[in-house]
Each structure stands twice: as C-alpha cells, then as structure tokens.
Amino acid sequence: MGAVATTPNGISNVWLPGDPHLKTLFSDQFKNSERASHAARQLELYFNRALKSFDIIVDFTTMTIFRQQVLSQLAKVPYGKVITYHQLALQIGSPNASRAVGGAVAANPIPIILPCHRVISSSGAVGGYSGAGGVEMKKYLLSLEGYMDID
C-alpha cells in the first residue's frame, strides 16, 4: 500500500508501494482527508485502467519555480504518450536545460499524477526511473497505458 500526503493547497506527495520511505513516514499530513481519499481513489482507478486523466489539485508551493514549470508541463503529457527530456525543456522555454529537466523529473514528489514515467531519452530508450520499482516500474506503467515501444 502506498501513501498520499496533502497540504491545505493540494496533494504534496505520493509514495508508491515498495517505496523505502514509506516505513519512516509519520506525519499529520497523513490524516485521512477528503483530498487524500480522492487522490487514492483516482490512483486505484488508474491502476485498474479505468482512469486516464486525474482531477486532482497539486500543491506546487514547496517547489522551485523551475521544478514547478517542468512538472506543470509534464502534467499535460497525455495518457499513453511519451515526451523526451529535450522536448520538455523546449516546451518550458529552456532549450538547453535537458539535464536540469531530467533532475526536476527525477525529483518529482507526485509520481503517476505528475507522470514522470512518460519521459524518455531522445534516443527513444525508456531510461531511468527514480520511483519505487525503478525502470521495471516505469516499463510497467508505460505498458499499462498501452505504450508499446518499450526497450
């Protein structure tokens, strides 16, 4: 079982099953709230292939402006589609920032909802995944969404 953390501004973190941080998380952020329950229900629907687009308010306030730009743009990548780090850098108006975009994506605190698994390398390789389960989880998520060009 994963976990969802909220703030008064929205969802602030999602931890997937298998995340090593789950064992040490004890916080008031985990009080059962309607916002957290709503996010958990939508995540369950996503994993059951019954939801392709999330209707969730995300709290970006603790992130740098650059990370906000990257993850806000990332949220627009459609279900079953992928984007490269370079394309994402172009979309936020920073064409030379592919590596910085990669760092922002790797530090995404809200996986699945902000679909960092949909970002691949310019060569078309799946690349890495910093979330629980690593590259195998990324491949699983892309496969779940019907993206078939997986190396």
C-alpha atoms as a PDB file:
ATOM      1  CA  MET A   1       0.000   0.000   0.000  1.00  0.00           C
ATOM      2  CA  GLY A   2       1.273   3.475  -0.880  1.00  0.00           C
ATOM      3  CA  ALA A   3       0.535   6.810   0.733  1.00  0.00           C
ATOM      4  CA  VAL A   4      -0.717  10.252  -0.234  1.00  0.00           C
ATOM      5  CA  ALA A   5       0.211  13.440   1.617  1.00  0.00           C
ATOM      6  CA  THR A   6      -1.761  16.656   1.413  1.00  0.00           C
ATOM      7  CA  THR A   7      -1.412  20.256   2.453  1.00  0.00           C
ATOM      8  CA  PRO A   8      -4.105  22.933   2.541  1.00  0.00           C
ATOM      9  CA  ASN A   9      -3.042  23.719  -1.056  1.00  0.00           C
ATOM     10  CA  GLY A  10      -3.376  20.220  -2.552  1.00  0.00           C
ATOM     11  CA  ILE A  11      -1.599  16.898  -2.941  1.00  0.00           C
ATOM     12  CA  SER A  12       2.069  17.280  -1.983  1.00  0.00           C
ATOM     13  CA  ASN A  13       3.455  13.743  -2.197  1.00  0.00           C
ATOM     14  CA  VAL A  14       2.602  10.276  -3.444  1.00  0.00           C
ATOM     15  CA  TRP A  15       4.570   7.224  -2.371  1.00  0.00           C
ATOM     16  CA  LEU A  16       4.050   4.047  -4.347  1.00  0.00           C
ATOM     17  CA  PRO A  17       4.102   0.566  -2.835  1.00  0.00           C
ATOM     18  CA  GLY A  18       7.677  -0.542  -2.347  1.00  0.00           C
ATOM     19  CA  ASP A  19       8.996   2.961  -1.688  1.00  0.00           C
ATOM     20  CA  PRO A  20      11.577   2.676   1.125  1.00  0.00           C
ATOM     21  CA  HIS A  21      10.398   5.999   2.604  1.00  0.00           C
ATOM     22  CA  LEU A  22       7.001   4.533   3.484  1.00  0.00           C
ATOM     23  CA  LYS A  23       8.451   2.776   6.538  1.00  0.00           C
ATOM     24  CA  THR A  24       9.547   6.064   8.109  1.00  0.00           C
ATOM     25  CA  LEU A  25       6.615   8.313   7.261  1.00  0.00           C
ATOM     26  CA  PHE A  26       4.689   9.550  10.251  1.00  0.00           C
ATOM     27  CA  SER A  27       3.140  12.968   9.855  1.00  0.00           C
ATOM     28  CA  ASP A  28      -0.020  14.993  10.319  1.00  0.00           C
ATOM     29  CA  GLN A  29      -0.072  15.186   6.525  1.00  0.00           C
ATOM     30  CA  PHE A  30      -1.456  11.650   6.541  1.00  0.00           C
ATOM     31  CA  LYS A  31      -4.625  12.383   8.444  1.00  0.00           C
ATOM     32  CA  ASN A  32      -7.455  10.919   6.438  1.00  0.00           C
ATOM     33  CA  SER A  33      -8.718  13.850   4.432  1.00  0.00           C
ATOM     34  CA  GLU A  34     -11.205  14.047   1.596  1.00  0.00           C
ATOM     35  CA  ARG A  35      -8.416  15.320  -0.652  1.00  0.00           C
ATOM     36  CA  ALA A  36      -6.156  12.331   0.132  1.00  0.00           C
ATOM     37  CA  SER A  37      -9.053   9.882  -0.211  1.00  0.00           C
ATOM     38  CA  HIS A  38      -9.989  11.414  -3.568  1.00  0.00           C
ATOM     39  CA  ALA A  39      -6.404  11.047  -4.819  1.00  0.00           C
ATOM     40  CA  ALA A  40      -6.186   7.460  -3.548  1.00  0.00           C
ATOM     41  CA  ARG A  41      -9.447   6.569  -5.323  1.00  0.00           C
ATOM     42  CA  GLN A  42      -8.220   8.082  -8.569  1.00  0.00           C
ATOM     43  CA  LEU A  43      -4.888   6.246  -8.300  1.00  0.00           C
ATOM     44  CA  GLU A  44      -6.753   2.978  -7.761  1.00  0.00           C
ATOM     45  CA  LEU A  45      -8.873   3.665 -10.850  1.00  0.00           C
ATOM     46  CA  TYR A  46      -5.724   4.476 -12.832  1.00  0.00           C
ATOM     47  CA  PHE A  47      -4.091   1.168 -11.877  1.00  0.00           C
ATOM     48  CA  ASN A  48      -7.310  -0.644 -12.821  1.00  0.00           C
ATOM     49  CA  ARG A  49      -7.220   1.035 -16.257  1.00  0.00           C
ATOM     50  CA  ALA A  50     -10.444   2.897 -15.515  1.00  0.00           C
ATOM     51  CA  LEU A  51      -8.953   6.421 -15.372  1.00  0.00           C
ATOM     52  CA  LYS A  52      -6.752   8.190 -17.894  1.00  0.00           C
ATOM     53  CA  SER A  53      -6.787  11.751 -16.575  1.00  0.00           C
ATOM     54  CA  PHE A  54      -6.528  12.912 -12.974  1.00  0.00           C
ATOM     55  CA  ASP A  55      -8.766  15.563 -11.436  1.00  0.00           C
ATOM     56  CA  ILE A  56      -6.503  16.439  -8.522  1.00  0.00           C
ATOM     57  CA  ILE A  57      -5.203  19.718  -7.138  1.00  0.00           C
ATOM     58  CA  VAL A  58      -1.425  19.591  -6.743  1.00  0.00           C
ATOM     59  CA  ASP A  59       0.490  21.723  -4.246  1.00  0.00           C
ATOM     60  CA  PHE A  60       3.455  23.190  -6.125  1.00  0.00           C
ATOM     61  CA  THR A  61       4.276  25.771  -3.419  1.00  0.00           C
ATOM     62  CA  THR A  62       7.239  23.896  -1.909  1.00  0.00           C
ATOM     63  CA  MET A  63       8.965  23.507  -5.296  1.00  0.00           C
ATOM     64  CA  THR A  64      11.363  25.844  -7.049  1.00  0.00           C
ATOM     65  CA  ILE A  65       9.914  27.887  -9.915  1.00  0.00           C
ATOM     66  CA  PHE A  66      11.875  25.780 -12.404  1.00  0.00           C
ATOM     67  CA  ARG A  67      10.541  22.497 -10.970  1.00  0.00           C
ATOM     68  CA  GLN A  68       7.018  23.956 -10.984  1.00  0.00           C
ATOM     69  CA  GLN A  69       7.394  24.801 -14.683  1.00  0.00           C
ATOM     70  CA  VAL A  70       8.722  21.341 -15.562  1.00  0.00           C
ATOM     71  CA  LEU A  71       6.152  19.365 -13.572  1.00  0.00           C
ATOM     72  CA  SER A  72       3.236  21.580 -14.635  1.00  0.00           C
ATOM     73  CA  GLN A  73       4.167  20.974 -18.271  1.00  0.00           C
ATOM     74  CA  LEU A  74       4.714  17.287 -17.578  1.00  0.00           C
ATOM     75  CA  ALA A  75       1.143  17.035 -16.286  1.00  0.00           C
ATOM     76  CA  LYS A  76      -0.050  17.859 -19.817  1.00  0.00           C
ATOM     77  CA  VAL A  77       1.538  14.776 -21.415  1.00  0.00           C
ATOM     78  CA  PRO A  78      -1.427  12.577 -22.370  1.00  0.00           C
ATOM     79  CA  TYR A  79      -2.054   9.058 -21.157  1.00  0.00           C
ATOM     80  CA  GLY A  80      -0.231   6.517 -23.319  1.00  0.00           C
ATOM     81  CA  LYS A  81       2.086   9.115 -24.866  1.00  0.00           C
ATOM     82  CA  VAL A  82       5.707   9.962 -24.115  1.00  0.00           C
ATOM     83  CA  ILE A  83       7.909  13.024 -24.348  1.00  0.00           C
ATOM     84  CA  THR A  84      11.686  13.399 -24.290  1.00  0.00           C
ATOM     85  CA  TYR A  85      13.604  15.436 -21.757  1.00  0.00           C
ATOM     86  CA  HIS A  86      14.666  17.729 -24.589  1.00  0.00           C
ATOM     87  CA  GLN A  87      11.085  18.227 -25.815  1.00  0.00           C
ATOM     88  CA  LEU A  88      10.035  19.051 -22.270  1.00  0.00           C
ATOM     89  CA  ALA A  89      12.888  21.574 -21.999  1.00  0.00           C
ATOM     90  CA  LEU A  90      11.741  23.185 -25.249  1.00  0.00           C
ATOM     91  CA  GLN A  91       8.150  23.373 -24.025  1.00  0.00           C
ATOM     92  CA  ILE A  92       9.138  25.322 -20.919  1.00  0.00           C
ATOM     93  CA  GLY A  93      11.292  27.687 -22.972  1.00  0.00           C
ATOM     94  CA  SER A  94      14.664  26.347 -21.792  1.00  0.00           C
ATOM     95  CA  PRO A  95      16.091  24.510 -24.829  1.00  0.00           C
ATOM     96  CA  ASN A  96      19.498  23.944 -23.239  1.00  0.00           C
ATOM     97  CA  ALA A  97      18.146  22.602 -19.950  1.00  0.00           C
ATOM     98  CA  SER A  98      17.519  18.928 -20.776  1.00  0.00           C
ATOM     99  CA  ARG A  99      19.708  17.731 -17.881  1.00  0.00           C
ATOM    100  CA  ALA A 100      18.087  20.142 -15.436  1.00  0.00           C
ATOM    101  CA  VAL A 101      14.680  18.973 -16.666  1.00  0.00           C
ATOM    102  CA  GLY A 102      15.835  15.402 -16.006  1.00  0.00           C
ATOM    103  CA  GLY A 103      16.762  16.379 -12.460  1.00  0.00           C
ATOM    104  CA  ALA A 104      13.377  18.005 -11.876  1.00  0.00           C
ATOM    105  CA  VAL A 105      11.578  14.959 -13.277  1.00  0.00           C
ATOM    106  CA  ALA A 106      13.691  12.596 -11.134  1.00  0.00           C
ATOM    107  CA  ALA A 107      12.775  14.581  -8.016  1.00  0.00           C
ATOM    108  CA  ASN A 108       9.039  14.517  -8.780  1.00  0.00           C
ATOM    109  CA  PRO A 109       7.261  14.092  -5.420  1.00  0.00           C
ATOM    110  CA  ILE A 110       3.940  13.161  -7.039  1.00  0.00           C
ATOM    111  CA  PRO A 111       4.538  10.234  -9.415  1.00  0.00           C
ATOM    112  CA  ILE A 112       1.726   8.906 -11.595  1.00  0.00           C
ATOM    113  CA  ILE A 113      -0.399  12.047 -11.100  1.00  0.00           C
ATOM    114  CA  LEU A 114       2.512  14.085 -12.492  1.00  0.00           C
ATOM    115  CA  PRO A 115       3.532  11.385 -14.988  1.00  0.00           C
ATOM    116  CA  CYS A 116       7.334  11.320 -14.841  1.00  0.00           C
ATOM    117  CA  HIS A 117       7.171   7.781 -16.250  1.00  0.00           C
ATOM    118  CA  ARG A 118       6.138   9.319 -19.591  1.00  0.00           C
ATOM    119  CA  VAL A 119       9.537  10.965 -20.108  1.00  0.00           C
ATOM    120  CA  ILE A 120      12.095   9.065 -22.194  1.00  0.00           C
ATOM    121  CA  SER A 121      15.518   9.781 -23.648  1.00  0.00           C
ATOM    122  CA  SER A 122      15.975  11.366 -27.073  1.00  0.00           C
ATOM    123  CA  SER A 123      17.173   8.004 -28.390  1.00  0.00           C
ATOM    124  CA  GLY A 124      13.792   6.511 -27.547  1.00  0.00           C
ATOM    125  CA  ALA A 125      15.170   4.405 -24.693  1.00  0.00           C
ATOM    126  CA  VAL A 126      12.998   4.202 -21.601  1.00  0.00           C
ATOM    127  CA  GLY A 127      15.899   5.437 -19.479  1.00  0.00           C
ATOM    128  CA  GLY A 128      15.832   5.524 -15.716  1.00  0.00           C
ATOM    129  CA  TYR A 129      13.079   5.889 -13.155  1.00  0.00           C
ATOM    130  CA  SER A 130      13.740   7.204  -9.666  1.00  0.00           C
ATOM    131  CA  GLY A 131      10.431   5.972  -8.271  1.00  0.00           C
ATOM    132  CA  ALA A 132       9.827   2.767  -6.364  1.00  0.00           C
ATOM    133  CA  GLY A 133      10.426  -0.226  -8.601  1.00  0.00           C
ATOM    134  CA  GLY A 134      12.916   1.586 -10.837  1.00  0.00           C
ATOM    135  CA  VAL A 135      12.950   1.004 -14.575  1.00  0.00           C
ATOM    136  CA  GLU A 136      10.754  -2.084 -14.302  1.00  0.00           C
ATOM    137  CA  MET A 137       8.006   0.058 -12.729  1.00  0.00           C
ATOM    138  CA  LYS A 138       8.407   2.639 -15.495  1.00  0.00           C
ATOM    139  CA  LYS A 139       8.055  -0.067 -18.145  1.00  0.00           C
ATOM    140  CA  TYR A 140       5.020  -1.455 -16.323  1.00  0.00           C
ATOM    141  CA  LEU A 141       3.351   1.976 -16.201  1.00  0.00           C
ATOM    142  CA  LEU A 142       4.008   2.645 -19.883  1.00  0.00           C
ATOM    143  CA  SER A 143       2.668  -0.812 -20.743  1.00  0.00           C
ATOM    144  CA  LEU A 144      -0.388  -0.228 -18.537  1.00  0.00           C
ATOM    145  CA  GLU A 145      -1.110   2.885 -20.588  1.00  0.00           C
ATOM    146  CA  GLY A 146      -0.711   0.990 -23.857  1.00  0.00           C
ATOM    147  CA  TYR A 147       2.596   2.491 -24.904  1.00  0.00           C
ATOM    148  CA  MET A 148       4.185  -0.384 -26.789  1.00  0.00           C
ATOM    149  CA  ASP A 149       7.559   0.942 -27.973  1.00  0.00           C
ATOM    150  CA  ILE A 150       9.378  -0.152 -24.810  1.00  0.00           C
ATOM    151  CA  ASP A 151      13.011  -1.308 -24.992  1.00  0.00           C
END
